Amino acid sequence: MPSCSERPAQAADLAPAYIREHLAGDLDVGTLARRFGCSRSHFTRLFTTLTGLSPHQYVIQARLALAQELLTCTNLTVGEVAAETGFSSIHHFCRRFRMRTGVTPTAWREGLGRPRE
């Protein structure tokens, strides 16, 4: 895996795929920066330039997108979806989910939610 010091653009290009593959894991900015051999600030700058989102915002967005899919396509409980998507608690998951969609995870599952534009 290339490091930021060797190939900064390539390391930043690989980060979104790594995040999507490891959503249930520890994806704080410091961990991601170390994974790609960067300082926290350098990684954040490169990642934000590439994606238009901070690493933290990207992780939350990816986790919520996966949660929407899991709620729609599986019979996992809301707590199981929260765990599968890497949220630290069901409360945190439900709060973030409602902020993004305008409805609770249960309401989303019941078909009351519509993706926000």
PDB file of N, CA and C in Angstrom:
ATOM      1  N   MET A   1       0.847  -1.174   0.000  1.00  0.00           N
ATOM      2  CA  MET A   1       0.000   0.000   0.000  1.00  0.00           C
ATOM      3  C   MET A   1       0.894   1.239   0.000  1.00  0.00           C
ATOM      4  N   PRO A   2       0.662   2.170  -0.924  1.00  0.00           N
ATOM      5  CA  PRO A   2       1.500   3.368  -0.970  1.00  0.00           C
ATOM      6  C   PRO A   2       1.251   4.259   0.237  1.00  0.00           C
ATOM      7  N   SER A   3       2.314   4.930   0.668  1.00  0.00           N
ATOM      8  CA  SER A   3       2.161   5.870   1.773  1.00  0.00           C
ATOM      9  C   SER A   3       2.043   7.272   1.209  1.00  0.00           C
ATOM     10  N   CYS A   4       1.583   8.190   2.042  1.00  0.00           N
ATOM     11  CA  CYS A   4       1.436   9.582   1.610  1.00  0.00           C
ATOM     12  C   CYS A   4       2.770  10.171   1.178  1.00  0.00           C
ATOM     13  N   SER A   5       3.832   9.785   1.865  1.00  0.00           N
ATOM     14  CA  SER A   5       5.132  10.358   1.523  1.00  0.00           C
ATOM     15  C   SER A   5       5.638   9.836   0.179  1.00  0.00           C
ATOM     16  N   GLU A   6       5.251   8.598  -0.185  1.00  0.00           N
ATOM     17  CA  GLU A   6       5.691   8.029  -1.460  1.00  0.00           C
ATOM     18  C   GLU A   6       4.825   8.495  -2.622  1.00  0.00           C
ATOM     19  N   ARG A   7       3.521   8.321  -2.491  1.00  0.00           N
ATOM     20  CA  ARG A   7       2.574   8.672  -3.550  1.00  0.00           C
ATOM     21  C   ARG A   7       1.302   9.224  -2.923  1.00  0.00           C
ATOM     22  N   PRO A   8       1.287  10.505  -2.594  1.00  0.00           N
ATOM     23  CA  PRO A   8       0.147  11.049  -1.858  1.00  0.00           C
ATOM     24  C   PRO A   8      -1.193  10.889  -2.571  1.00  0.00           C
ATOM     25  N   ALA A   9      -1.248  11.148  -3.865  1.00  0.00           N
ATOM     26  CA  ALA A   9      -2.524  11.068  -4.576  1.00  0.00           C
ATOM     27  C   ALA A   9      -3.034   9.630  -4.602  1.00  0.00           C
ATOM     28  N   GLN A  10      -2.153   8.674  -4.798  1.00  0.00           N
ATOM     29  CA  GLN A  10      -2.574   7.280  -4.853  1.00  0.00           C
ATOM     30  C   GLN A  10      -3.076   6.817  -3.488  1.00  0.00           C
ATOM     31  N   ALA A  11      -2.403   7.216  -2.431  1.00  0.00           N
ATOM     32  CA  ALA A  11      -2.851   6.845  -1.085  1.00  0.00           C
ATOM     33  C   ALA A  11      -4.241   7.428  -0.826  1.00  0.00           C
ATOM     34  N   ALA A  12      -4.470   8.672  -1.200  1.00  0.00           N
ATOM     35  CA  ALA A  12      -5.777   9.310  -1.001  1.00  0.00           C
ATOM     36  C   ALA A  12      -6.839   8.660  -1.883  1.00  0.00           C
ATOM     37  N   ASP A  13      -6.473   8.224  -3.069  1.00  0.00           N
ATOM     38  CA  ASP A  13      -7.413   7.537  -3.965  1.00  0.00           C
ATOM     39  C   ASP A  13      -7.886   6.211  -3.377  1.00  0.00           C
ATOM     40  N   LEU A  14      -7.026   5.525  -2.651  1.00  0.00           N
ATOM     41  CA  LEU A  14      -7.358   4.220  -2.092  1.00  0.00           C
ATOM     42  C   LEU A  14      -8.186   4.319  -0.811  1.00  0.00           C
ATOM     43  N   ALA A  15      -8.127   5.447  -0.150  1.00  0.00           N
ATOM     44  CA  ALA A  15      -8.788   5.594   1.144  1.00  0.00           C
ATOM     45  C   ALA A  15     -10.308   5.404   1.088  1.00  0.00           C
ATOM     46  N   PRO A  16     -11.037   5.980   0.118  1.00  0.00           N
ATOM     47  CA  PRO A  16     -12.493   5.759   0.108  1.00  0.00           C
ATOM     48  C   PRO A  16     -12.880   4.286  -0.012  1.00  0.00           C
ATOM     49  N   ALA A  17     -12.192   3.531  -0.840  1.00  0.00           N
ATOM     50  CA  ALA A  17     -12.491   2.099  -0.970  1.00  0.00           C
ATOM     51  C   ALA A  17     -12.188   1.373   0.338  1.00  0.00           C
ATOM     52  N   TYR A  18     -11.079   1.727   0.961  1.00  0.00           N
ATOM     53  CA  TYR A  18     -10.724   1.117   2.251  1.00  0.00           C
ATOM     54  C   TYR A  18     -11.818   1.399   3.279  1.00  0.00           C
ATOM     55  N   ILE A  19     -12.295   2.622   3.314  1.00  0.00           N
ATOM     56  CA  ILE A  19     -13.346   3.000   4.266  1.00  0.00           C
ATOM     57  C   ILE A  19     -14.600   2.170   4.011  1.00  0.00           C
ATOM     58  N   ARG A  20     -15.035   2.089   2.765  1.00  0.00           N
ATOM     59  CA  ARG A  20     -16.256   1.331   2.453  1.00  0.00           C
ATOM     60  C   ARG A  20     -16.129  -0.147   2.826  1.00  0.00           C
ATOM     61  N   GLU A  21     -14.929  -0.699   2.733  1.00  0.00           N
ATOM     62  CA  GLU A  21     -14.713  -2.107   3.059  1.00  0.00           C
ATOM     63  C   GLU A  21     -14.608  -2.363   4.564  1.00  0.00           C
ATOM     64  N   HIS A  22     -14.368  -1.320   5.351  1.00  0.00           N
ATOM     65  CA  HIS A  22     -14.129  -1.485   6.790  1.00  0.00           C
ATOM     66  C   HIS A  22     -15.062  -0.623   7.647  1.00  0.00           C
ATOM     67  N   LEU A  23     -16.297  -0.455   7.210  1.00  0.00           N
ATOM     68  CA  LEU A  23     -17.226   0.437   7.905  1.00  0.00           C
ATOM     69  C   LEU A  23     -17.489   0.053   9.351  1.00  0.00           C
ATOM     70  N   ALA A  24     -17.436  -1.222   9.668  1.00  0.00           N
ATOM     71  CA  ALA A  24     -17.713  -1.637  11.045  1.00  0.00           C
ATOM     72  C   ALA A  24     -16.513  -1.438  11.960  1.00  0.00           C
ATOM     73  N   GLY A  25     -15.363  -1.118  11.403  1.00  0.00           N
ATOM     74  CA  GLY A  25     -14.143  -0.990  12.191  1.00  0.00           C
ATOM     75  C   GLY A  25     -13.875   0.413  12.693  1.00  0.00           C
ATOM     76  N   ASP A  26     -12.682   0.577  13.248  1.00  0.00           N
ATOM     77  CA  ASP A  26     -12.232   1.862  13.779  1.00  0.00           C
ATOM     78  C   ASP A  26     -11.757   2.733  12.620  1.00  0.00           C
ATOM     79  N   LEU A  27     -12.530   3.744  12.291  1.00  0.00           N
ATOM     80  CA  LEU A  27     -12.200   4.597  11.149  1.00  0.00           C
ATOM     81  C   LEU A  27     -12.029   6.057  11.547  1.00  0.00           C
ATOM     82  N   ASP A  28     -11.469   6.302  12.724  1.00  0.00           N
ATOM     83  CA  ASP A  28     -11.210   7.695  13.073  1.00  0.00           C
ATOM     84  C   ASP A  28     -10.070   8.215  12.192  1.00  0.00           C
ATOM     85  N   VAL A  29      -9.976   9.510  12.070  1.00  0.00           N
ATOM     86  CA  VAL A  29      -9.026  10.135  11.145  1.00  0.00           C
ATOM     87  C   VAL A  29      -7.586   9.748  11.461  1.00  0.00           C
ATOM     88  N   GLY A  30      -7.241   9.688  12.728  1.00  0.00           N
ATOM     89  CA  GLY A  30      -5.881   9.308  13.107  1.00  0.00           C
ATOM     90  C   GLY A  30      -5.533   7.903  12.644  1.00  0.00           C
ATOM     91  N   THR A  31      -6.464   6.975  12.812  1.00  0.00           N
ATOM     92  CA  THR A  31      -6.250   5.592  12.374  1.00  0.00           C
ATOM     93  C   THR A  31      -6.081   5.531  10.862  1.00  0.00           C
ATOM     94  N   LEU A  32      -6.936   6.242  10.137  1.00  0.00           N
ATOM     95  CA  LEU A  32      -6.839   6.257   8.674  1.00  0.00           C
ATOM     96  C   LEU A  32      -5.517   6.879   8.211  1.00  0.00           C
ATOM     97  N   ALA A  33      -5.134   7.969   8.834  1.00  0.00           N
ATOM     98  CA  ALA A  33      -3.880   8.630   8.456  1.00  0.00           C
ATOM     99  C   ALA A  33      -2.694   7.694   8.664  1.00  0.00           C
ATOM    100  N   ARG A  34      -2.649   7.019   9.802  1.00  0.00           N
ATOM    101  CA  ARG A  34      -1.569   6.053  10.053  1.00  0.00           C
ATOM    102  C   ARG A  34      -1.598   4.918   9.034  1.00  0.00           C
ATOM    103  N   ARG A  35      -2.778   4.453   8.700  1.00  0.00           N
ATOM    104  CA  ARG A  35      -2.931   3.352   7.735  1.00  0.00           C
ATOM    105  C   ARG A  35      -2.296   3.712   6.397  1.00  0.00           C
ATOM    106  N   PHE A  36      -2.409   4.979   6.020  1.00  0.00           N
ATOM    107  CA  PHE A  36      -1.889   5.429   4.731  1.00  0.00           C
ATOM    108  C   PHE A  36      -0.571   6.188   4.852  1.00  0.00           C
ATOM    109  N   GLY A  37       0.046   6.129   6.028  1.00  0.00           N
ATOM    110  CA  GLY A  37       1.376   6.700   6.210  1.00  0.00           C
ATOM    111  C   GLY A  37       1.431   8.205   6.130  1.00  0.00           C
ATOM    112  N   CYS A  38       0.399   8.874   6.628  1.00  0.00           N
ATOM    113  CA  CYS A  38       0.321  10.342   6.566  1.00  0.00           C
ATOM    114  C   CYS A  38       0.183  10.926   7.963  1.00  0.00           C
ATOM    115  N   SER A  39       0.470  12.195   8.045  1.00  0.00           N
ATOM    116  CA  SER A  39       0.078  12.907   9.251  1.00  0.00           C
ATOM    117  C   SER A  39      -1.431  13.118   9.160  1.00  0.00           C
ATOM    118  N   ARG A  40      -2.044  13.329  10.286  1.00  0.00           N
ATOM    119  CA  ARG A  40      -3.497  13.539  10.330  1.00  0.00           C
ATOM    120  C   ARG A  40      -3.909  14.722   9.447  1.00  0.00           C
ATOM    121  N   SER A  41      -3.196  15.831   9.566  1.00  0.00           N
ATOM    122  CA  SER A  41      -3.583  17.024   8.804  1.00  0.00           C
ATOM    123  C   SER A  41      -3.349  16.841   7.304  1.00  0.00           C
ATOM    124  N   HIS A  42      -2.254  16.199   6.939  1.00  0.00           N
ATOM    125  CA  HIS A  42      -1.963  15.977   5.516  1.00  0.00           C
ATOM    126  C   HIS A  42      -3.007  15.032   4.903  1.00  0.00           C
ATOM    127  N   PHE A  43      -3.334  13.957   5.613  1.00  0.00           N
ATOM    128  CA  PHE A  43      -4.342  13.022   5.124  1.00  0.00           C
ATOM    129  C   PHE A  43      -5.690  13.714   4.954  1.00  0.00           C
ATOM    130  N   THR A  44      -6.092  14.494   5.952  1.00  0.00           N
ATOM    131  CA  THR A  44      -7.377  15.201   5.888  1.00  0.00           C
ATOM    132  C   THR A  44      -7.422  16.136   4.686  1.00  0.00           C
ATOM    133  N   ARG A  45      -6.344  16.854   4.463  1.00  0.00           N
ATOM    134  CA  ARG A  45      -6.279  17.785   3.336  1.00  0.00           C
ATOM    135  C   ARG A  45      -6.392  17.039   2.006  1.00  0.00           C
ATOM    136  N   LEU A  46      -5.612  15.975   1.836  1.00  0.00           N
ATOM    137  CA  LEU A  46      -5.662  15.200   0.595  1.00  0.00           C
ATOM    138  C   LEU A  46      -7.039  14.576   0.371  1.00  0.00           C
ATOM    139  N   PHE A  47      -7.581  13.972   1.406  1.00  0.00           N
ATOM    140  CA  PHE A  47      -8.864  13.289   1.309  1.00  0.00           C
ATOM    141  C   PHE A  47      -9.980  14.273   0.962  1.00  0.00           C
ATOM    142  N   THR A  48      -9.987  15.419   1.626  1.00  0.00           N
ATOM    143  CA  THR A  48     -11.028  16.423   1.382  1.00  0.00           C
ATOM    144  C   THR A  48     -10.930  16.968  -0.032  1.00  0.00           C
ATOM    145  N   THR A  49      -9.725  17.159  -0.519  1.00  0.00           N
ATOM    146  CA  THR A  49      -9.542  17.618  -1.898  1.00  0.00           C
ATOM    147  C   THR A  49     -10.090  16.585  -2.883  1.00  0.00           C
ATOM    148  N   LEU A  50      -9.839  15.326  -2.607  1.00  0.00           N
ATOM    149  CA  LEU A  50     -10.267  14.247  -3.498  1.00  0.00           C
ATOM    150  C   LEU A  50     -11.778  14.049  -3.482  1.00  0.00           C
ATOM    151  N   THR A  51     -12.389  14.023  -2.299  1.00  0.00           N
ATOM    152  CA  THR A  51     -13.794  13.627  -2.182  1.00  0.00           C
ATOM    153  C   THR A  51     -14.771  14.781  -1.982  1.00  0.00           C
ATOM    154  N   GLY A  52     -14.271  15.926  -1.548  1.00  0.00           N
ATOM    155  CA  GLY A  52     -15.163  17.037  -1.228  1.00  0.00           C
ATOM    156  C   GLY A  52     -15.747  16.947   0.170  1.00  0.00           C
ATOM    157  N   LEU A  53     -15.382  15.892   0.906  1.00  0.00           N
ATOM    158  CA  LEU A  53     -15.847  15.701   2.276  1.00  0.00           C
ATOM    159  C   LEU A  53     -14.642  15.436   3.170  1.00  0.00           C
ATOM    160  N   SER A  54     -14.755  15.812   4.436  1.00  0.00           N
ATOM    161  CA  SER A  54     -13.712  15.434   5.377  1.00  0.00           C
ATOM    162  C   SER A  54     -13.775  13.927   5.559  1.00  0.00           C
ATOM    163  N   PRO A  55     -12.699  13.297   6.027  1.00  0.00           N
ATOM    164  CA  PRO A  55     -12.760  11.854   6.269  1.00  0.00           C
ATOM    165  C   PRO A  55     -13.905  11.467   7.202  1.00  0.00           C
ATOM    166  N   HIS A  56     -14.106  12.242   8.257  1.00  0.00           N
ATOM    167  CA  HIS A  56     -15.176  11.940   9.206  1.00  0.00           C
ATOM    168  C   HIS A  56     -16.540  12.013   8.527  1.00  0.00           C
ATOM    169  N   GLN A  57     -16.781  13.061   7.759  1.00  0.00           N
ATOM    170  CA  GLN A  57     -18.054  13.196   7.054  1.00  0.00           C
ATOM    171  C   GLN A  57     -18.253  12.044   6.068  1.00  0.00           C
ATOM    172  N   TYR A  58     -17.191  11.643   5.402  1.00  0.00           N
ATOM    173  CA  TYR A  58     -17.274  10.554   4.434  1.00  0.00           C
ATOM    174  C   TYR A  58     -17.636   9.245   5.126  1.00  0.00           C
ATOM    175  N   VAL A  59     -17.016   8.978   6.266  1.00  0.00           N
ATOM    176  CA  VAL A  59     -17.304   7.753   7.019  1.00  0.00           C
ATOM    177  C   VAL A  59     -18.768   7.733   7.452  1.00  0.00           C
ATOM    178  N   ILE A  60     -19.250   8.822   8.009  1.00  0.00           N
ATOM    179  CA  ILE A  60     -20.645   8.885   8.455  1.00  0.00           C
ATOM    180  C   ILE A  60     -21.579   8.685   7.268  1.00  0.00           C
ATOM    181  N   GLN A  61     -21.309   9.353   6.159  1.00  0.00           N
ATOM    182  CA  GLN A  61     -22.143   9.223   4.967  1.00  0.00           C
ATOM    183  C   GLN A  61     -22.162   7.778   4.463  1.00  0.00           C
ATOM    184  N   ALA A  62     -21.004   7.143   4.413  1.00  0.00           N
ATOM    185  CA  ALA A  62     -20.926   5.753   3.940  1.00  0.00           C
ATOM    186  C   ALA A  62     -21.647   4.812   4.893  1.00  0.00           C
ATOM    187  N   ARG A  63     -21.506   5.029   6.187  1.00  0.00           N
ATOM    188  CA  ARG A  63     -22.182   4.180   7.172  1.00  0.00           C
ATOM    189  C   ARG A  63     -23.698   4.312   7.064  1.00  0.00           C
ATOM    190  N   LEU A  64     -24.169   5.536   6.883  1.00  0.00           N
ATOM    191  CA  LEU A  64     -25.611   5.746   6.781  1.00  0.00           C
ATOM    192  C   LEU A  64     -26.173   5.183   5.473  1.00  0.00           C
ATOM    193  N   ALA A  65     -25.426   5.283   4.396  1.00  0.00           N
ATOM    194  CA  ALA A  65     -25.873   4.701   3.127  1.00  0.00           C
ATOM    195  C   ALA A  65     -25.995   3.185   3.254  1.00  0.00           C
ATOM    196  N   LEU A  66     -25.017   2.550   3.893  1.00  0.00           N
ATOM    197  CA  LEU A  66     -25.088   1.112   4.114  1.00  0.00           C
ATOM    198  C   LEU A  66     -26.256   0.772   5.039  1.00  0.00           C
ATOM    199  N   ALA A  67     -26.475   1.577   6.060  1.00  0.00           N
ATOM    200  CA  ALA A  67     -27.586   1.337   6.989  1.00  0.00           C
ATOM    201  C   ALA A  67     -28.922   1.387   6.253  1.00  0.00           C
ATOM    202  N   GLN A  68     -29.091   2.346   5.363  1.00  0.00           N
ATOM    203  CA  GLN A  68     -30.323   2.431   4.590  1.00  0.00           C
ATOM    204  C   GLN A  68     -30.528   1.152   3.770  1.00  0.00           C
ATOM    205  N   GLU A  69     -29.472   0.674   3.170  1.00  0.00           N
ATOM    206  CA  GLU A  69     -29.550  -0.554   2.382  1.00  0.00           C
ATOM    207  C   GLU A  69     -29.897  -1.751   3.268  1.00  0.00           C
ATOM    208  N   LEU A  70     -29.230  -1.868   4.406  1.00  0.00           N
ATOM    209  CA  LEU A  70     -29.490  -2.991   5.306  1.00  0.00           C
ATOM    210  C   LEU A  70     -30.912  -2.961   5.857  1.00  0.00           C
ATOM    211  N   LEU A  71     -31.403  -1.785   6.165  1.00  0.00           N
ATOM    212  CA  LEU A  71     -32.769  -1.677   6.677  1.00  0.00           C
ATOM    213  C   LEU A  71     -33.797  -2.037   5.608  1.00  0.00           C
ATOM    214  N   THR A  72     -33.466  -1.756   4.378  1.00  0.00           N
ATOM    215  CA  THR A  72     -34.373  -2.031   3.271  1.00  0.00           C
ATOM    216  C   THR A  72     -34.320  -3.493   2.832  1.00  0.00           C
ATOM    217  N   CYS A  73     -33.139  -4.085   2.842  1.00  0.00           N
ATOM    218  CA  CYS A  73     -32.936  -5.389   2.201  1.00  0.00           C
ATOM    219  C   CYS A  73     -32.705  -6.563   3.150  1.00  0.00           C
ATOM    220  N   THR A  74     -32.680  -6.330   4.450  1.00  0.00           N
ATOM    221  CA  THR A  74     -32.429  -7.431   5.390  1.00  0.00           C
ATOM    222  C   THR A  74     -33.443  -7.390   6.525  1.00  0.00           C
ATOM    223  N   ASN A  75     -33.407  -8.399   7.330  1.00  0.00           N
ATOM    224  CA  ASN A  75     -34.253  -8.453   8.520  1.00  0.00           C
ATOM    225  C   ASN A  75     -33.451  -8.193   9.792  1.00  0.00           C
ATOM    226  N   LEU A  76     -32.263  -7.632   9.665  1.00  0.00           N
ATOM    227  CA  LEU A  76     -31.463  -7.305  10.845  1.00  0.00           C
ATOM    228  C   LEU A  76     -32.226  -6.324  11.722  1.00  0.00           C
ATOM    229  N   THR A  77     -32.065  -6.451  13.034  1.00  0.00           N
ATOM    230  CA  THR A  77     -32.679  -5.475  13.937  1.00  0.00           C
ATOM    231  C   THR A  77     -31.960  -4.144  13.784  1.00  0.00           C
ATOM    232  N   VAL A  78     -32.564  -3.101  14.289  1.00  0.00           N
ATOM    233  CA  VAL A  78     -31.934  -1.780  14.234  1.00  0.00           C
ATOM    234  C   VAL A  78     -30.600  -1.813  14.977  1.00  0.00           C
ATOM    235  N   GLY A  79     -30.552  -2.506  16.095  1.00  0.00           N
ATOM    236  CA  GLY A  79     -29.300  -2.637  16.849  1.00  0.00           C
ATOM    237  C   GLY A  79     -28.231  -3.366  16.055  1.00  0.00           C
ATOM    238  N   GLU A  80     -28.622  -4.406  15.333  1.00  0.00           N
ATOM    239  CA  GLU A  80     -27.670  -5.142  14.502  1.00  0.00           C
ATOM    240  C   GLU A  80     -27.174  -4.282  13.347  1.00  0.00           C
ATOM    241  N   VAL A  81     -28.056  -3.482  12.767  1.00  0.00           N
ATOM    242  CA  VAL A  81     -27.645  -2.572  11.693  1.00  0.00           C
ATOM    243  C   VAL A  81     -26.657  -1.552  12.243  1.00  0.00           C
ATOM    244  N   ALA A  82     -26.938  -1.032  13.430  1.00  0.00           N
ATOM    245  CA  ALA A  82     -26.020  -0.068  14.051  1.00  0.00           C
ATOM    246  C   ALA A  82     -24.637  -0.693  14.223  1.00  0.00           C
ATOM    247  N   ALA A  83     -24.581  -1.927  14.690  1.00  0.00           N
ATOM    248  CA  ALA A  83     -23.297  -2.609  14.896  1.00  0.00           C
ATOM    249  C   ALA A  83     -22.604  -2.906  13.569  1.00  0.00           C
ATOM    250  N   GLU A  84     -23.361  -3.368  12.583  1.00  0.00           N
ATOM    251  CA  GLU A  84     -22.787  -3.711  11.269  1.00  0.00           C
ATOM    252  C   GLU A  84     -22.206  -2.491  10.560  1.00  0.00           C
ATOM    253  N   THR A  85     -22.730  -1.324  10.865  1.00  0.00           N
ATOM    254  CA  THR A  85     -22.279  -0.109  10.191  1.00  0.00           C
ATOM    255  C   THR A  85     -21.287   0.699  11.025  1.00  0.00           C
ATOM    256  N   GLY A  86     -20.886   0.157  12.167  1.00  0.00           N
ATOM    257  CA  GLY A  86     -19.803   0.768  12.926  1.00  0.00           C
ATOM    258  C   GLY A  86     -20.170   1.881  13.873  1.00  0.00           C
ATOM    259  N   PHE A  87     -21.461   2.050  14.174  1.00  0.00           N
ATOM    260  CA  PHE A  87     -21.839   3.089  15.122  1.00  0.00           C
ATOM    261  C   PHE A  87     -21.570   2.595  16.541  1.00  0.00           C
ATOM    262  N   SER A  88     -21.162   3.493  17.401  1.00  0.00           N
ATOM    263  CA  SER A  88     -20.757   3.129  18.757  1.00  0.00           C
ATOM    264  C   SER A  88     -21.931   2.727  19.635  1.00  0.00           C
ATOM    265  N   SER A  89     -23.127   3.197  19.294  1.00  0.00           N
ATOM    266  CA  SER A  89     -24.314   2.832  20.067  1.00  0.00           C
ATOM    267  C   SER A  89     -25.542   2.954  19.181  1.00  0.00           C
ATOM    268  N   ILE A  90     -26.604   2.292  19.598  1.00  0.00           N
ATOM    269  CA  ILE A  90     -27.853   2.382  18.850  1.00  0.00           C
ATOM    270  C   ILE A  90     -28.399   3.811  18.924  1.00  0.00           C
ATOM    271  N   HIS A  91     -28.197   4.468  20.066  1.00  0.00           N
ATOM    272  CA  HIS A  91     -28.663   5.851  20.215  1.00  0.00           C
ATOM    273  C   HIS A  91     -27.959   6.774  19.212  1.00  0.00           C
ATOM    274  N   HIS A  92     -26.646   6.650  19.113  1.00  0.00           N
ATOM    275  CA  HIS A  92     -25.881   7.468  18.175  1.00  0.00           C
ATOM    276  C   HIS A  92     -26.326   7.184  16.745  1.00  0.00           C
ATOM    277  N   PHE A  93     -26.508   5.900  16.425  1.00  0.00           N
ATOM    278  CA  PHE A  93     -26.965   5.517  15.094  1.00  0.00           C
ATOM    279  C   PHE A  93     -28.327   6.136  14.779  1.00  0.00           C
ATOM    280  N   CYS A  94     -29.282   5.991  15.682  1.00  0.00           N
ATOM    281  CA  CYS A  94     -30.633   6.504  15.435  1.00  0.00           C
ATOM    282  C   CYS A  94     -30.646   8.024  15.274  1.00  0.00           C
ATOM    283  N   ARG A  95     -29.850   8.703  16.086  1.00  0.00           N
ATOM    284  CA  ARG A  95     -29.775  10.172  15.999  1.00  0.00           C
ATOM    285  C   ARG A  95     -29.207  10.597  14.650  1.00  0.00           C
ATOM    286  N   ARG A  96     -28.089   9.979  14.233  1.00  0.00           N
ATOM    287  CA  ARG A  96     -27.476  10.311  12.938  1.00  0.00           C
ATOM    288  C   ARG A  96     -28.395   9.956  11.771  1.00  0.00           C
ATOM    289  N   PHE A  97     -29.047   8.806  11.882  1.00  0.00           N
ATOM    290  CA  PHE A  97     -29.931   8.357  10.813  1.00  0.00           C
ATOM    291  C   PHE A  97     -31.081   9.343  10.624  1.00  0.00           C
ATOM    292  N   ARG A  98     -31.676   9.756  11.736  1.00  0.00           N
ATOM    293  CA  ARG A  98     -32.791  10.706  11.649  1.00  0.00           C
ATOM    294  C   ARG A  98     -32.334  12.067  11.117  1.00  0.00           C
ATOM    295  N   MET A  99     -31.139  12.493  11.506  1.00  0.00           N
ATOM    296  CA  MET A  99     -30.607  13.762  11.000  1.00  0.00           C
ATOM    297  C   MET A  99     -30.460  13.719   9.472  1.00  0.00           C
ATOM    298  N   ARG A 100     -30.042  12.571   8.952  1.00  0.00           N
ATOM    299  CA  ARG A 100     -29.816  12.440   7.508  1.00  0.00           C
ATOM    300  C   ARG A 100     -31.111  12.257   6.727  1.00  0.00           C
ATOM    301  N   THR A 101     -32.020  11.419   7.253  1.00  0.00           N
ATOM    302  CA  THR A 101     -33.198  11.038   6.474  1.00  0.00           C
ATOM    303  C   THR A 101     -34.479  11.745   6.883  1.00  0.00           C
ATOM    304  N   GLY A 102     -34.513  12.271   8.107  1.00  0.00           N
ATOM    305  CA  GLY A 102     -35.724  12.905   8.603  1.00  0.00           C
ATOM    306  C   GLY A 102     -36.686  11.935   9.272  1.00  0.00           C
ATOM    307  N   VAL A 103     -36.331  10.645   9.286  1.00  0.00           N
ATOM    308  CA  VAL A 103     -37.172   9.627   9.927  1.00  0.00           C
ATOM    309  C   VAL A 103     -36.289   8.687  10.733  1.00  0.00           C
ATOM    310  N   THR A 104     -36.905   7.933  11.624  1.00  0.00           N
ATOM    311  CA  THR A 104     -36.171   6.941  12.403  1.00  0.00           C
ATOM    312  C   THR A 104     -35.828   5.741  11.521  1.00  0.00           C
ATOM    313  N   PRO A 105     -34.868   4.924  11.941  1.00  0.00           N
ATOM    314  CA  PRO A 105     -34.579   3.709  11.180  1.00  0.00           C
ATOM    315  C   PRO A 105     -35.806   2.794  11.031  1.00  0.00           C
ATOM    316  N   THR A 106     -36.612   2.697  12.067  1.00  0.00           N
ATOM    317  CA  THR A 106     -37.815   1.863  11.992  1.00  0.00           C
ATOM    318  C   THR A 106     -38.798   2.413  10.964  1.00  0.00           C
ATOM    319  N   ALA A 107     -38.997   3.722  10.960  1.00  0.00           N
ATOM    320  CA  ALA A 107     -39.892   4.330   9.970  1.00  0.00           C
ATOM    321  C   ALA A 107     -39.336   4.133   8.557  1.00  0.00           C
ATOM    322  N   TRP A 108     -38.022   4.231   8.419  1.00  0.00           N
ATOM    323  CA  TRP A 108     -37.400   3.992   7.109  1.00  0.00           C
ATOM    324  C   TRP A 108     -37.733   2.575   6.633  1.00  0.00           C
ATOM    325  N   ARG A 109     -37.547   1.637   7.528  1.00  0.00           N
ATOM    326  CA  ARG A 109     -37.804   0.230   7.185  1.00  0.00           C
ATOM    327  C   ARG A 109     -39.265   0.020   6.792  1.00  0.00           C
ATOM    328  N   GLU A 110     -40.160   0.717   7.440  1.00  0.00           N
ATOM    329  CA  GLU A 110     -41.597   0.587   7.156  1.00  0.00           C
ATOM    330  C   GLU A 110     -41.995   1.315   5.882  1.00  0.00           C
ATOM    331  N   GLY A 111     -41.021   1.916   5.213  1.00  0.00           N
ATOM    332  CA  GLY A 111     -41.307   2.570   3.940  1.00  0.00           C
ATOM    333  C   GLY A 111     -41.726   4.010   4.043  1.00  0.00           C
ATOM    334  N   LEU A 112     -41.578   4.586   5.221  1.00  0.00           N
ATOM    335  CA  LEU A 112     -41.977   5.977   5.394  1.00  0.00           C
ATOM    336  C   LEU A 112     -40.881   6.955   5.015  1.00  0.00           C
ATOM    337  N   GLY A 113     -39.676   6.446   4.902  1.00  0.00           N
ATOM    338  CA  GLY A 113     -38.555   7.325   4.580  1.00  0.00           C
ATOM    339  C   GLY A 113     -38.344   7.437   3.092  1.00  0.00           C
ATOM    340  N   ARG A 114     -37.927   8.604   2.692  1.00  0.00           N
ATOM    341  CA  ARG A 114     -37.554   8.835   1.314  1.00  0.00           C
ATOM    342  C   ARG A 114     -36.188   9.490   1.336  1.00  0.00           C
ATOM    343  N   PRO A 115     -35.278   9.019   0.499  1.00  0.00           N
ATOM    344  CA  PRO A 115     -33.942   9.634   0.504  1.00  0.00           C
ATOM    345  C   PRO A 115     -34.032  11.132   0.240  1.00  0.00           C
ATOM    346  N   ARG A 116     -33.252  11.870   1.002  1.00  0.00           N
ATOM    347  CA  ARG A 116     -33.179  13.315   0.784  1.00  0.00           C
ATOM    348  C   ARG A 116     -32.363  13.608  -0.442  1.00  0.00           C
ATOM    349  N   GLU A 117     -32.746  14.641  -1.131  1.00  0.00           N
ATOM    350  CA  GLU A 117     -32.017  15.057  -2.340  1.00  0.00           C
ATOM    351  C   GLU A 117     -30.754  15.773  -1.949  1.00  0.00           C
TER     352      GLU A 117
END
